[in-house]
C-alpha cells in the first residue's frame, strides 16, 4: 500500500508541476526543451524558499507537459466546447487555463487513469490557487469533457 500512496503522491506533484510549467511557458514563451530541463534540474523534488516540493514522477510530468503542448488545439477545442455561451478560453485567467488544459489532456490521452481520479486531482490542483467556486468550475468542466471523450 505504501508504494501505491507514494506513486499517487508523485503523480499529484507531477500534475501540479505540469500546470505550473505550462503557466510559466505561457508567461515567458520558453522553448519546451528548456522548460522541461529547468523543471527537472530545479523544481521537481527541490526545496525553494523553505518550501519542499514533493518528488514528482518525471516521466508522467513530461508526458503531461509535452502532450498539452503537442495537442493544444484539440485540447482548447474540447475546453471551449464546454464553456458557457459568450465565454472564451482567453477570458479565463492563465493558471485556470493551464489546469484545465492538463486535466483535459489526461482525460483525452491517458485512458489508463480513471476519470474520477483525473477530475479529483485537478480539483485539488485548483485548490492550490483558488477558492471553492473555481474548484466547482474545474470539476464541472472536466466532467463535461470526460463525458464527451470517454463515452
N, C-alpha and C. Protein backbone atom coordinates (compact mmCIF):
# COMPACT_ATOMS: atom_id res chain seq x y z
N UNK A 1 0.83 -1.20 0.00
CA UNK A 1 0.00 0.00 0.00
C UNK A 1 0.87 1.26 0.00
N UNK A 2 2.01 1.21 0.66
CA UNK A 2 2.89 2.37 0.72
C UNK A 2 3.37 2.77 -0.68
N UNK A 3 3.64 1.75 -1.52
CA UNK A 3 4.08 2.02 -2.90
C UNK A 3 3.00 2.76 -3.68
N UNK A 4 1.74 2.35 -3.52
CA UNK A 4 0.63 2.99 -4.22
C UNK A 4 0.49 4.44 -3.77
N UNK A 5 0.55 4.68 -2.45
CA UNK A 5 0.44 6.05 -1.94
C UNK A 5 1.60 6.92 -2.42
N UNK A 6 2.80 6.34 -2.47
CA UNK A 6 3.97 7.07 -2.94
C UNK A 6 3.80 7.44 -4.41
N UNK A 7 3.32 6.50 -5.22
CA UNK A 7 3.10 6.76 -6.64
C UNK A 7 2.00 7.81 -6.80
N UNK A 8 0.96 7.70 -6.02
CA UNK A 8 -0.15 8.66 -6.09
C UNK A 8 0.35 10.06 -5.75
N UNK A 9 1.18 10.18 -4.70
CA UNK A 9 1.73 11.49 -4.32
C UNK A 9 2.64 12.04 -5.42
N UNK A 10 3.47 11.18 -6.01
CA UNK A 10 4.40 11.66 -7.04
C UNK A 10 3.65 12.07 -8.30
N UNK A 11 2.52 11.40 -8.59
CA UNK A 11 1.71 11.81 -9.74
C UNK A 11 0.97 13.11 -9.43
N UNK A 12 0.49 13.27 -8.21
CA UNK A 12 -0.15 14.53 -7.82
C UNK A 12 0.83 15.69 -7.97
N UNK A 13 2.06 15.48 -7.52
CA UNK A 13 3.10 16.50 -7.65
C UNK A 13 3.39 16.79 -9.11
N UNK A 14 3.39 15.76 -9.95
CA UNK A 14 3.64 15.94 -11.39
C UNK A 14 2.53 16.77 -12.02
N UNK A 15 1.28 16.54 -11.60
CA UNK A 15 0.16 17.31 -12.16
C UNK A 15 0.27 18.79 -11.80
N UNK A 16 0.55 19.07 -10.54
CA UNK A 16 0.71 20.46 -10.11
C UNK A 16 1.88 21.12 -10.83
N UNK A 17 3.00 20.41 -10.92
CA UNK A 17 4.19 20.94 -11.59
C UNK A 17 3.91 21.17 -13.07
N UNK A 18 3.13 20.30 -13.71
CA UNK A 18 2.81 20.47 -15.14
C UNK A 18 1.99 21.74 -15.34
N UNK A 19 1.01 21.99 -14.47
CA UNK A 19 0.22 23.22 -14.58
C UNK A 19 1.12 24.44 -14.39
N UNK A 20 2.05 24.36 -13.44
CA UNK A 20 2.97 25.48 -13.20
C UNK A 20 3.91 25.68 -14.39
N UNK A 21 4.41 24.58 -14.95
CA UNK A 21 5.33 24.68 -16.09
C UNK A 21 4.63 25.31 -17.30
N UNK A 22 3.40 24.87 -17.56
CA UNK A 22 2.66 25.42 -18.70
C UNK A 22 2.32 26.89 -18.48
N UNK A 23 2.04 27.24 -17.24
CA UNK A 23 1.80 28.65 -16.91
C UNK A 23 3.06 29.46 -17.21
N UNK A 24 4.20 28.96 -16.75
CA UNK A 24 5.48 29.65 -16.97
C UNK A 24 5.77 29.76 -18.47
N UNK A 25 5.48 28.69 -19.20
CA UNK A 25 5.71 28.72 -20.65
C UNK A 25 4.86 29.81 -21.31
N UNK A 26 3.60 29.92 -20.90
CA UNK A 26 2.72 30.94 -21.47
C UNK A 26 3.18 32.35 -21.10
N UNK A 27 3.65 32.53 -19.88
CA UNK A 27 4.09 33.85 -19.41
C UNK A 27 5.39 34.29 -20.10
N UNK A 28 6.32 33.35 -20.25
CA UNK A 28 7.67 33.71 -20.69
C UNK A 28 8.04 33.19 -22.07
N UNK A 29 7.14 32.42 -22.70
CA UNK A 29 7.38 31.87 -24.03
C UNK A 29 8.69 31.09 -24.10
N UNK A 30 8.93 30.24 -23.11
CA UNK A 30 10.15 29.44 -23.02
C UNK A 30 10.03 28.22 -23.95
N UNK A 31 11.06 27.90 -24.72
CA UNK A 31 11.01 26.68 -25.54
C UNK A 31 10.80 25.45 -24.65
N UNK A 32 10.06 24.48 -25.16
CA UNK A 32 9.67 23.32 -24.38
C UNK A 32 10.86 22.58 -23.76
N UNK A 33 11.90 22.33 -24.54
CA UNK A 33 13.06 21.58 -24.03
C UNK A 33 13.71 22.31 -22.85
N UNK A 34 13.85 23.62 -22.96
CA UNK A 34 14.45 24.42 -21.89
C UNK A 34 13.56 24.40 -20.65
N UNK A 35 12.25 24.50 -20.86
CA UNK A 35 11.30 24.46 -19.75
C UNK A 35 11.38 23.14 -18.99
N UNK A 36 11.36 22.04 -19.72
CA UNK A 36 11.43 20.72 -19.09
C UNK A 36 12.74 20.57 -18.32
N UNK A 37 13.84 21.00 -18.93
CA UNK A 37 15.15 20.91 -18.27
C UNK A 37 15.16 21.71 -16.97
N UNK A 38 14.59 22.92 -17.02
CA UNK A 38 14.56 23.76 -15.82
C UNK A 38 13.78 23.06 -14.69
N UNK A 39 12.64 22.48 -15.03
CA UNK A 39 11.85 21.79 -14.01
C UNK A 39 12.57 20.54 -13.51
N UNK A 40 13.21 19.79 -14.40
CA UNK A 40 13.96 18.60 -13.98
C UNK A 40 15.09 18.98 -13.03
N UNK A 41 15.82 20.04 -13.38
CA UNK A 41 17.00 20.41 -12.61
C UNK A 41 16.69 21.16 -11.32
N UNK A 42 15.64 22.00 -11.34
CA UNK A 42 15.48 22.95 -10.24
C UNK A 42 14.15 22.91 -9.51
N UNK A 43 13.15 22.21 -10.02
CA UNK A 43 11.84 22.30 -9.38
C UNK A 43 11.35 20.98 -8.79
N UNK A 44 11.38 19.93 -9.60
CA UNK A 44 10.78 18.66 -9.17
C UNK A 44 11.56 18.08 -7.99
N UNK A 45 10.90 18.01 -6.83
CA UNK A 45 11.52 17.47 -5.63
C UNK A 45 12.49 18.41 -4.94
N UNK A 46 12.56 19.67 -5.37
CA UNK A 46 13.51 20.63 -4.79
C UNK A 46 12.89 21.36 -3.60
N UNK A 47 13.73 22.07 -2.87
CA UNK A 47 13.27 22.96 -1.81
C UNK A 47 13.54 24.39 -2.27
N UNK A 48 12.47 25.18 -2.40
CA UNK A 48 12.59 26.55 -2.87
C UNK A 48 11.94 27.47 -1.83
N UNK A 49 12.72 28.42 -1.33
CA UNK A 49 12.24 29.36 -0.31
C UNK A 49 11.57 28.63 0.85
N UNK A 50 12.25 27.63 1.37
CA UNK A 50 11.81 26.83 2.52
C UNK A 50 10.56 25.99 2.25
N UNK A 51 10.13 25.89 1.00
CA UNK A 51 9.01 25.02 0.66
C UNK A 51 9.58 23.82 -0.06
N UNK A 52 9.32 22.63 0.50
CA UNK A 52 9.82 21.42 -0.13
C UNK A 52 8.77 20.91 -1.11
N UNK A 53 9.17 20.80 -2.38
CA UNK A 53 8.27 20.29 -3.42
C UNK A 53 8.36 18.77 -3.41
N UNK A 54 7.22 18.12 -3.48
CA UNK A 54 7.19 16.65 -3.49
C UNK A 54 7.90 16.15 -4.74
N UNK A 55 8.54 15.00 -4.59
CA UNK A 55 9.17 14.38 -5.75
C UNK A 55 8.07 14.00 -6.73
N UNK A 56 8.22 14.43 -7.95
CA UNK A 56 7.21 14.16 -8.97
C UNK A 56 7.68 13.03 -9.89
N UNK A 57 6.74 12.27 -10.39
CA UNK A 57 7.05 11.22 -11.36
C UNK A 57 7.43 11.93 -12.67
N UNK A 58 8.72 11.94 -12.96
CA UNK A 58 9.25 12.76 -14.05
C UNK A 58 8.67 12.36 -15.40
N UNK A 59 8.58 11.07 -15.67
CA UNK A 59 8.06 10.65 -16.99
C UNK A 59 6.60 11.06 -17.15
N UNK A 60 5.83 11.03 -16.06
CA UNK A 60 4.43 11.44 -16.11
C UNK A 60 4.34 12.96 -16.32
N UNK A 61 5.16 13.71 -15.59
CA UNK A 61 5.24 15.17 -15.77
C UNK A 61 5.56 15.51 -17.22
N UNK A 62 6.59 14.84 -17.77
CA UNK A 62 7.00 15.11 -19.15
C UNK A 62 5.86 14.80 -20.12
N UNK A 63 5.15 13.69 -19.90
CA UNK A 63 4.04 13.34 -20.78
C UNK A 63 2.96 14.41 -20.73
N UNK A 64 2.63 14.89 -19.54
CA UNK A 64 1.59 15.91 -19.41
C UNK A 64 1.98 17.19 -20.13
N UNK A 65 3.19 17.68 -19.90
CA UNK A 65 3.62 18.95 -20.49
C UNK A 65 3.76 18.82 -22.01
N UNK A 66 4.45 17.77 -22.46
CA UNK A 66 4.63 17.57 -23.90
C UNK A 66 3.29 17.30 -24.58
N UNK A 67 2.43 16.55 -23.93
CA UNK A 67 1.13 16.21 -24.51
C UNK A 67 0.25 17.44 -24.69
N UNK A 68 0.21 18.31 -23.68
CA UNK A 68 -0.57 19.55 -23.80
C UNK A 68 0.02 20.40 -24.92
N UNK A 69 1.34 20.49 -24.98
CA UNK A 69 1.99 21.30 -26.00
C UNK A 69 1.66 20.76 -27.40
N UNK A 70 1.72 19.46 -27.58
CA UNK A 70 1.51 18.85 -28.90
C UNK A 70 0.05 18.88 -29.33
N UNK A 71 -0.87 18.81 -28.37
CA UNK A 71 -2.29 18.68 -28.70
C UNK A 71 -3.11 19.89 -28.26
N UNK A 72 -2.46 21.04 -28.15
CA UNK A 72 -3.12 22.23 -27.61
C UNK A 72 -4.40 22.59 -28.36
N UNK A 73 -4.40 22.55 -29.70
CA UNK A 73 -5.60 22.94 -30.46
C UNK A 73 -6.78 22.01 -30.13
N UNK A 74 -6.52 20.72 -30.09
CA UNK A 74 -7.57 19.74 -29.75
C UNK A 74 -8.08 19.94 -28.33
N UNK A 75 -7.15 20.16 -27.41
CA UNK A 75 -7.50 20.36 -26.00
C UNK A 75 -8.30 21.65 -25.82
N UNK A 76 -7.83 22.73 -26.44
CA UNK A 76 -8.52 24.01 -26.33
C UNK A 76 -9.93 23.92 -26.92
N UNK A 77 -10.08 23.17 -28.00
CA UNK A 77 -11.41 22.99 -28.60
C UNK A 77 -12.33 22.23 -27.64
N UNK A 78 -11.81 21.21 -26.98
CA UNK A 78 -12.61 20.44 -26.02
C UNK A 78 -13.05 21.31 -24.84
N UNK A 79 -12.15 22.16 -24.36
CA UNK A 79 -12.48 23.06 -23.25
C UNK A 79 -13.49 24.10 -23.72
N UNK A 80 -13.22 24.72 -24.85
CA UNK A 80 -14.10 25.78 -25.38
C UNK A 80 -15.52 25.28 -25.60
N UNK A 81 -15.65 24.02 -26.01
CA UNK A 81 -16.97 23.44 -26.26
C UNK A 81 -17.80 23.34 -24.98
N UNK A 82 -17.14 23.34 -23.83
CA UNK A 82 -17.84 23.19 -22.55
C UNK A 82 -18.01 24.51 -21.79
N UNK A 83 -17.46 25.59 -22.33
CA UNK A 83 -17.62 26.89 -21.68
C UNK A 83 -19.01 27.44 -21.97
N UNK A 84 -19.52 28.26 -21.07
CA UNK A 84 -20.84 28.88 -21.25
C UNK A 84 -20.82 29.78 -22.47
N UNK A 85 -21.98 29.98 -23.05
CA UNK A 85 -22.11 30.89 -24.21
C UNK A 85 -21.50 32.24 -23.86
N UNK A 86 -20.73 32.78 -24.80
CA UNK A 86 -20.12 34.09 -24.58
C UNK A 86 -18.77 34.02 -23.90
N UNK A 87 -18.40 32.86 -23.40
CA UNK A 87 -17.10 32.71 -22.75
C UNK A 87 -16.10 32.12 -23.74
N UNK A 88 -14.87 32.58 -23.65
CA UNK A 88 -13.79 32.02 -24.46
C UNK A 88 -12.67 31.61 -23.52
N UNK A 89 -11.79 30.80 -24.04
CA UNK A 89 -10.64 30.36 -23.26
C UNK A 89 -9.79 31.56 -22.81
N UNK A 90 -9.71 32.56 -23.66
CA UNK A 90 -8.92 33.75 -23.33
C UNK A 90 -9.48 34.54 -22.16
N UNK A 91 -10.76 34.38 -21.85
CA UNK A 91 -11.34 35.09 -20.71
C UNK A 91 -10.95 34.45 -19.38
N UNK A 92 -10.51 33.21 -19.42
CA UNK A 92 -10.07 32.54 -18.19
C UNK A 92 -8.68 33.04 -17.83
N UNK A 93 -8.39 33.11 -16.53
CA UNK A 93 -7.04 33.55 -16.19
C UNK A 93 -6.03 32.44 -16.48
N UNK A 94 -4.77 32.82 -16.59
CA UNK A 94 -3.74 31.89 -17.05
C UNK A 94 -3.62 30.62 -16.21
N UNK A 95 -3.58 30.70 -14.87
CA UNK A 95 -3.48 29.44 -14.11
C UNK A 95 -4.67 28.50 -14.41
N UNK A 96 -5.88 29.06 -14.49
CA UNK A 96 -7.05 28.23 -14.75
C UNK A 96 -6.94 27.56 -16.12
N UNK A 97 -6.50 28.29 -17.11
CA UNK A 97 -6.33 27.70 -18.46
C UNK A 97 -5.41 26.50 -18.41
N UNK A 98 -4.31 26.63 -17.67
CA UNK A 98 -3.33 25.53 -17.64
C UNK A 98 -3.88 24.32 -16.87
N UNK A 99 -4.57 24.57 -15.77
CA UNK A 99 -5.16 23.46 -15.00
C UNK A 99 -6.14 22.70 -15.89
N UNK A 100 -6.99 23.43 -16.60
CA UNK A 100 -7.97 22.79 -17.48
C UNK A 100 -7.30 22.07 -18.64
N UNK A 101 -6.25 22.66 -19.19
CA UNK A 101 -5.54 22.01 -20.30
C UNK A 101 -4.91 20.69 -19.87
N UNK A 102 -4.24 20.69 -18.74
CA UNK A 102 -3.59 19.46 -18.30
C UNK A 102 -4.65 18.40 -17.97
N UNK A 103 -5.71 18.82 -17.28
CA UNK A 103 -6.78 17.88 -16.96
C UNK A 103 -7.44 17.33 -18.20
N UNK A 104 -7.72 18.19 -19.17
CA UNK A 104 -8.34 17.74 -20.42
C UNK A 104 -7.40 16.80 -21.18
N UNK A 105 -6.12 17.12 -21.20
CA UNK A 105 -5.15 16.23 -21.86
C UNK A 105 -5.21 14.84 -21.24
N UNK A 106 -5.21 14.80 -19.92
CA UNK A 106 -5.21 13.50 -19.25
C UNK A 106 -6.49 12.72 -19.57
N UNK A 107 -7.61 13.40 -19.63
CA UNK A 107 -8.87 12.73 -19.99
C UNK A 107 -8.84 12.23 -21.43
N UNK A 108 -8.27 13.01 -22.33
CA UNK A 108 -8.23 12.66 -23.75
C UNK A 108 -7.20 11.57 -24.04
N UNK A 109 -6.01 11.71 -23.48
CA UNK A 109 -4.87 10.90 -23.91
C UNK A 109 -4.41 9.82 -22.94
N UNK A 110 -4.94 9.82 -21.72
CA UNK A 110 -4.47 8.86 -20.72
C UNK A 110 -5.63 8.00 -20.20
N UNK A 111 -6.17 7.11 -21.05
CA UNK A 111 -7.29 6.26 -20.60
C UNK A 111 -6.89 5.31 -19.47
N UNK A 112 -5.58 5.18 -19.23
CA UNK A 112 -5.10 4.34 -18.13
C UNK A 112 -5.41 4.95 -16.76
N UNK A 113 -5.71 6.25 -16.73
CA UNK A 113 -6.01 6.92 -15.47
C UNK A 113 -7.54 7.07 -15.37
N UNK A 114 -8.14 6.54 -14.30
CA UNK A 114 -9.61 6.61 -14.17
C UNK A 114 -10.13 8.05 -14.17
N UNK A 115 -11.29 8.23 -14.79
CA UNK A 115 -11.92 9.55 -14.91
C UNK A 115 -12.04 10.24 -13.55
N UNK A 116 -12.56 9.52 -12.57
CA UNK A 116 -12.76 10.12 -11.24
C UNK A 116 -11.44 10.60 -10.65
N UNK A 117 -10.37 9.86 -10.89
CA UNK A 117 -9.05 10.25 -10.39
C UNK A 117 -8.60 11.54 -11.05
N UNK A 118 -8.73 11.63 -12.37
CA UNK A 118 -8.31 12.83 -13.10
C UNK A 118 -9.06 14.05 -12.56
N UNK A 119 -10.38 13.95 -12.49
CA UNK A 119 -11.18 15.10 -12.06
C UNK A 119 -10.82 15.50 -10.63
N UNK A 120 -10.75 14.54 -9.74
CA UNK A 120 -10.41 14.82 -8.34
C UNK A 120 -9.03 15.47 -8.21
N UNK A 121 -8.07 14.97 -8.96
CA UNK A 121 -6.71 15.50 -8.89
C UNK A 121 -6.65 16.96 -9.33
N UNK A 122 -7.38 17.31 -10.40
CA UNK A 122 -7.30 18.69 -10.88
C UNK A 122 -8.15 19.64 -10.05
N UNK A 123 -9.16 19.12 -9.37
CA UNK A 123 -9.87 19.93 -8.37
C UNK A 123 -8.88 20.25 -7.24
N UNK A 124 -8.06 19.26 -6.87
CA UNK A 124 -7.02 19.50 -5.85
C UNK A 124 -5.98 20.51 -6.32
N UNK A 125 -5.57 20.42 -7.59
CA UNK A 125 -4.62 21.39 -8.13
C UNK A 125 -5.24 22.79 -8.07
N UNK A 126 -6.51 22.89 -8.46
CA UNK A 126 -7.20 24.19 -8.42
C UNK A 126 -7.24 24.73 -6.99
N UNK A 127 -7.33 23.84 -6.02
CA UNK A 127 -7.37 24.24 -4.61
C UNK A 127 -6.10 24.98 -4.19
N UNK A 128 -5.00 24.71 -4.87
CA UNK A 128 -3.74 25.38 -4.56
C UNK A 128 -3.77 26.85 -4.98
N UNK A 129 -4.69 27.21 -5.89
CA UNK A 129 -4.73 28.56 -6.44
C UNK A 129 -6.03 29.30 -6.17
N UNK A 130 -7.12 28.56 -5.94
CA UNK A 130 -8.44 29.17 -5.97
C UNK A 130 -9.32 28.78 -4.78
N UNK A 131 -10.48 29.44 -4.72
CA UNK A 131 -11.50 29.15 -3.71
C UNK A 131 -12.49 28.12 -4.24
N UNK A 132 -13.50 27.88 -3.42
CA UNK A 132 -14.47 26.83 -3.70
C UNK A 132 -15.16 26.98 -5.05
N UNK A 133 -15.55 28.18 -5.43
CA UNK A 133 -16.30 28.38 -6.67
C UNK A 133 -15.50 27.90 -7.88
N UNK A 134 -14.23 28.24 -7.92
CA UNK A 134 -13.39 27.85 -9.04
C UNK A 134 -13.15 26.34 -9.06
N UNK A 135 -13.05 25.73 -7.88
CA UNK A 135 -12.88 24.28 -7.82
C UNK A 135 -14.11 23.59 -8.41
N UNK A 136 -15.30 24.14 -8.14
CA UNK A 136 -16.53 23.60 -8.71
C UNK A 136 -16.54 23.75 -10.23
N UNK A 137 -16.00 24.87 -10.71
CA UNK A 137 -15.90 25.11 -12.15
C UNK A 137 -15.01 24.05 -12.81
N UNK A 138 -13.85 23.79 -12.21
CA UNK A 138 -12.92 22.77 -12.73
C UNK A 138 -13.62 21.41 -12.75
N UNK A 139 -14.29 21.08 -11.65
CA UNK A 139 -14.99 19.81 -11.54
C UNK A 139 -16.03 19.66 -12.66
N UNK A 140 -16.87 20.67 -12.83
CA UNK A 140 -17.93 20.59 -13.83
C UNK A 140 -17.41 20.56 -15.26
N UNK A 141 -16.41 21.39 -15.54
CA UNK A 141 -15.88 21.44 -16.90
C UNK A 141 -15.17 20.14 -17.27
N UNK A 142 -14.34 19.62 -16.38
CA UNK A 142 -13.65 18.36 -16.68
C UNK A 142 -14.63 17.19 -16.76
N UNK A 143 -15.69 17.22 -15.94
CA UNK A 143 -16.70 16.18 -16.02
C UNK A 143 -17.38 16.22 -17.40
N UNK A 144 -17.66 17.42 -17.90
CA UNK A 144 -18.26 17.55 -19.23
C UNK A 144 -17.35 17.02 -20.33
N UNK A 145 -16.05 17.33 -20.22
CA UNK A 145 -15.09 16.82 -21.20
C UNK A 145 -15.00 15.30 -21.11
N UNK A 146 -14.98 14.78 -19.90
CA UNK A 146 -14.91 13.32 -19.72
C UNK A 146 -16.09 12.62 -20.39
N UNK A 147 -17.28 13.18 -20.22
CA UNK A 147 -18.47 12.59 -20.85
C UNK A 147 -18.35 12.63 -22.37
N UNK A 148 -17.71 13.65 -22.91
CA UNK A 148 -17.56 13.78 -24.36
C UNK A 148 -16.46 12.86 -24.92
N UNK A 149 -15.36 12.72 -24.21
CA UNK A 149 -14.22 11.98 -24.77
C UNK A 149 -14.07 10.54 -24.26
N UNK A 150 -14.78 10.22 -23.20
CA UNK A 150 -14.68 8.85 -22.65
C UNK A 150 -16.01 8.12 -22.65
N UNK A 151 -16.86 8.44 -23.61
CA UNK A 151 -18.20 7.86 -23.66
C UNK A 151 -18.16 6.35 -23.88
